[in-house]
Amino acid sequence: MSEFEKTPYETNPVESPAEAVKAFVEAYDVLQTILTEFDSEEGELSVFADSLRAAMYRPVSPDGGSRPSISLYEIGVVYFPEGAGRYDISTRKLSTALRQRENDVRALFVQEDGILPNLCEILPAFLEEERDEYVYAAAMRFLNECRRLIAMWE
C-alpha cells in the first residue's frame, strides 16, 4: 500500500469536530504532497495547490464582521512551509477553540465565505478534468473530508 492510498482517518469514523478537523488537515497534507510529486513542467498542479493554500489561509469574520476574525492558526492548525510543508495541529488549542469559540470555529469552516464552501467550489472544478489516478483519488478524499465537516456542522 502506497502512502497516498489512505489517510489515517479514512477508515475510522470520527466522533467529534476535533477528529474531523484532524482528518481534514491530514487529507489536505496528502493532497499537497501528491500535487507536488505529480506536477507537470507547465506547473498546472502547483497553481491549483496555490489556490487551495489561499483558500485555507484566509481568515473569516464570523457573522459578517460583528466578531473578530478567525483563522486556522487561531484554532491551533499551523502551516510549516519549511521542510515537509505540512500542517501541525495543537490538540490543546483546537480543543480550547472548539469549547470557547464553537460558533466562530463553525463559521470559519461553513459560513458562506468560510473555508469549506470555497474549497467545495474549487475541488469539483478541478476534478472535472482528467487527472492521474493518485491526484484524482487524493483530491476526492480531501473533498470528502470537506463534505464530512460540512455535514457535521449543518
Protein backbone atom coordinates (compact mmCIF):
# COMPACT_ATOMS: atom_id res chain seq x y z
CA MET A 1 0.00 0.00 0.00
CA SER A 2 1.31 3.40 -1.01
CA GLU A 3 1.46 6.27 1.46
CA PHE A 4 -1.03 8.02 -0.84
CA GLU A 5 -3.75 5.40 -0.78
CA LYS A 6 -5.35 6.26 2.54
CA THR A 7 -5.32 8.91 5.18
CA PRO A 8 -5.18 7.71 8.79
CA TYR A 9 -8.76 8.80 9.37
CA GLU A 10 -10.43 7.45 6.25
CA THR A 11 -11.42 4.08 7.54
CA ASN A 12 -12.28 5.24 11.07
CA PRO A 13 -15.46 7.13 11.85
CA VAL A 14 -14.92 10.48 13.51
CA GLU A 15 -16.75 11.15 16.72
CA SER A 16 -16.09 14.83 17.22
CA PRO A 17 -15.42 18.05 15.33
CA ALA A 18 -11.78 17.90 16.55
CA GLU A 19 -11.30 14.49 14.92
CA ALA A 20 -12.99 15.73 11.74
CA VAL A 21 -10.64 18.74 11.62
CA LYS A 22 -7.65 16.40 12.05
CA ALA A 23 -8.93 14.20 9.19
CA PHE A 24 -9.45 17.29 7.03
CA VAL A 25 -5.92 18.55 7.69
CA GLU A 26 -4.38 15.12 7.04
CA ALA A 27 -6.24 14.78 3.72
CA TYR A 28 -5.09 18.29 2.76
CA ASP A 29 -1.46 17.45 3.52
CA VAL A 30 -1.66 14.24 1.47
CA LEU A 31 -3.19 16.13 -1.45
CA GLN A 32 -0.50 18.83 -1.34
CA THR A 33 2.24 16.16 -1.30
CA ILE A 34 0.74 14.41 -4.33
CA LEU A 35 0.25 17.69 -6.22
CA THR A 36 3.95 18.44 -5.70
CA GLU A 37 5.06 14.97 -6.81
CA PHE A 38 2.87 14.83 -9.92
CA ASP A 39 3.21 18.42 -11.10
CA SER A 40 3.98 18.89 -14.79
CA GLU A 41 6.53 21.19 -16.35
CA GLU A 42 3.72 23.67 -17.00
CA GLY A 43 3.11 23.86 -13.25
CA GLU A 44 -0.66 23.35 -13.57
CA LEU A 45 -0.87 21.41 -10.30
CA SER A 46 1.22 23.95 -8.42
CA VAL A 47 -1.23 26.68 -9.50
CA PHE A 48 -4.07 24.54 -8.12
CA ALA A 49 -2.07 23.86 -4.93
CA ASP A 50 -1.61 27.62 -4.51
CA SER A 51 -5.35 28.23 -4.86
CA LEU A 52 -6.03 25.59 -2.18
CA ARG A 53 -3.44 27.19 0.09
CA ALA A 54 -5.03 30.61 -0.36
CA ALA A 55 -8.45 29.19 0.50
CA MET A 56 -7.05 27.59 3.65
CA TYR A 57 -5.09 30.64 4.85
CA ARG A 58 -7.71 33.33 4.73
CA PRO A 59 -9.36 34.47 7.93
CA VAL A 60 -13.14 34.58 8.19
CA SER A 61 -15.20 37.22 10.01
CA PRO A 62 -17.99 35.36 11.82
CA ASP A 63 -21.43 36.83 11.18
CA GLY A 64 -20.07 39.26 8.62
CA GLY A 65 -17.64 41.05 10.90
CA SER A 66 -19.59 41.55 14.10
CA ARG A 67 -16.97 39.45 15.92
CA PRO A 68 -13.16 39.27 15.50
CA SER A 69 -11.98 37.24 12.51
CA ILE A 70 -10.77 33.69 12.98
CA SER A 71 -8.34 31.56 11.01
CA LEU A 72 -6.89 28.06 11.17
CA TYR A 73 -3.92 29.47 13.06
CA GLU A 74 -6.15 30.73 15.86
CA ILE A 75 -7.66 27.30 16.38
CA GLY A 76 -4.27 25.58 16.53
CA VAL A 77 -3.83 24.48 12.91
CA VAL A 78 -0.44 25.86 11.85
CA TYR A 79 1.30 25.50 8.49
CA PHE A 80 5.05 24.94 8.45
CA PRO A 81 6.34 25.69 4.92
CA GLU A 82 9.94 24.72 5.72
CA GLY A 83 10.82 21.06 5.37
CA ALA A 84 7.77 18.96 4.60
CA GLY A 85 5.43 21.90 4.11
CA ARG A 86 2.71 20.37 6.25
CA TYR A 87 0.21 21.43 8.86
CA ASP A 88 0.60 20.64 12.53
CA ILE A 89 -2.28 20.69 14.98
CA SER A 90 -2.12 21.78 18.58
CA THR A 91 -4.71 19.44 20.04
CA ARG A 92 -4.96 21.55 23.18
CA LYS A 93 -5.50 24.80 21.26
CA LEU A 94 -8.04 23.15 18.94
CA SER A 95 -9.98 21.70 21.89
CA THR A 96 -9.99 25.08 23.63
CA ALA A 97 -11.18 26.86 20.47
CA LEU A 98 -13.97 24.32 19.98
CA ARG A 99 -15.02 24.73 23.59
CA GLN A 100 -14.76 28.53 23.91
CA ARG A 101 -15.44 29.71 20.35
CA GLU A 102 -17.50 26.90 18.88
CA ASN A 103 -19.73 29.22 16.83
CA ASP A 104 -16.71 31.08 15.46
CA VAL A 105 -14.95 27.82 14.53
CA ARG A 106 -18.12 26.63 12.84
CA ALA A 107 -18.27 29.96 10.93
CA LEU A 108 -14.62 29.58 9.89
CA PHE A 109 -15.48 26.35 8.16
CA VAL A 110 -19.12 26.56 6.99
CA GLN A 111 -20.17 30.21 6.85
CA GLU A 112 -20.93 31.31 3.26
CA ASP A 113 -17.45 32.86 2.91
CA GLY A 114 -15.80 30.18 5.05
CA ILE A 115 -13.10 27.71 4.13
CA LEU A 116 -15.32 24.78 3.13
CA PRO A 117 -17.74 26.50 0.74
CA ASN A 118 -14.71 27.94 -1.04
CA LEU A 119 -12.97 24.56 -1.24
CA CYS A 120 -16.19 22.86 -2.36
CA GLU A 121 -16.20 25.17 -5.39
CA ILE A 122 -12.51 24.75 -6.24
CA LEU A 123 -12.23 20.96 -5.86
CA PRO A 124 -15.14 19.77 -8.08
CA ALA A 125 -13.99 22.06 -10.89
CA PHE A 126 -10.50 20.56 -10.59
CA LEU A 127 -11.91 17.01 -10.58
CA GLU A 128 -13.84 17.56 -13.82
CA GLU A 129 -10.58 17.39 -15.77
CA GLU A 130 -8.85 14.10 -16.48
CA ARG A 131 -6.25 13.50 -13.76
CA ASP A 132 -3.65 10.95 -12.74
CA GLU A 133 -5.34 8.34 -10.53
CA TYR A 134 -3.33 9.34 -7.42
CA VAL A 135 -4.05 13.03 -7.93
CA TYR A 136 -7.74 12.32 -8.52
CA ALA A 137 -8.03 10.00 -5.50
CA ALA A 138 -6.27 12.46 -3.17
CA ALA A 139 -8.42 15.38 -4.36
CA MET A 140 -11.58 13.29 -3.97
CA ARG A 141 -10.57 12.22 -0.45
CA PHE A 142 -9.95 15.82 0.52
CA LEU A 143 -13.32 16.85 -0.96
CA ASN A 144 -14.96 14.07 1.05
CA GLU A 145 -13.31 15.34 4.25
CA CYS A 146 -14.63 18.83 3.42
CA ARG A 147 -18.10 17.38 2.97
CA ARG A 148 -17.84 15.45 6.23
CA LEU A 149 -17.05 18.66 8.15
CA ILE A 150 -19.92 20.46 6.46
CA ALA A 151 -22.32 17.65 7.37
CA MET A 152 -21.07 17.63 10.94
CA TRP A 153 -21.79 21.34 11.41
CA GLU A 154 -25.03 21.70 9.48
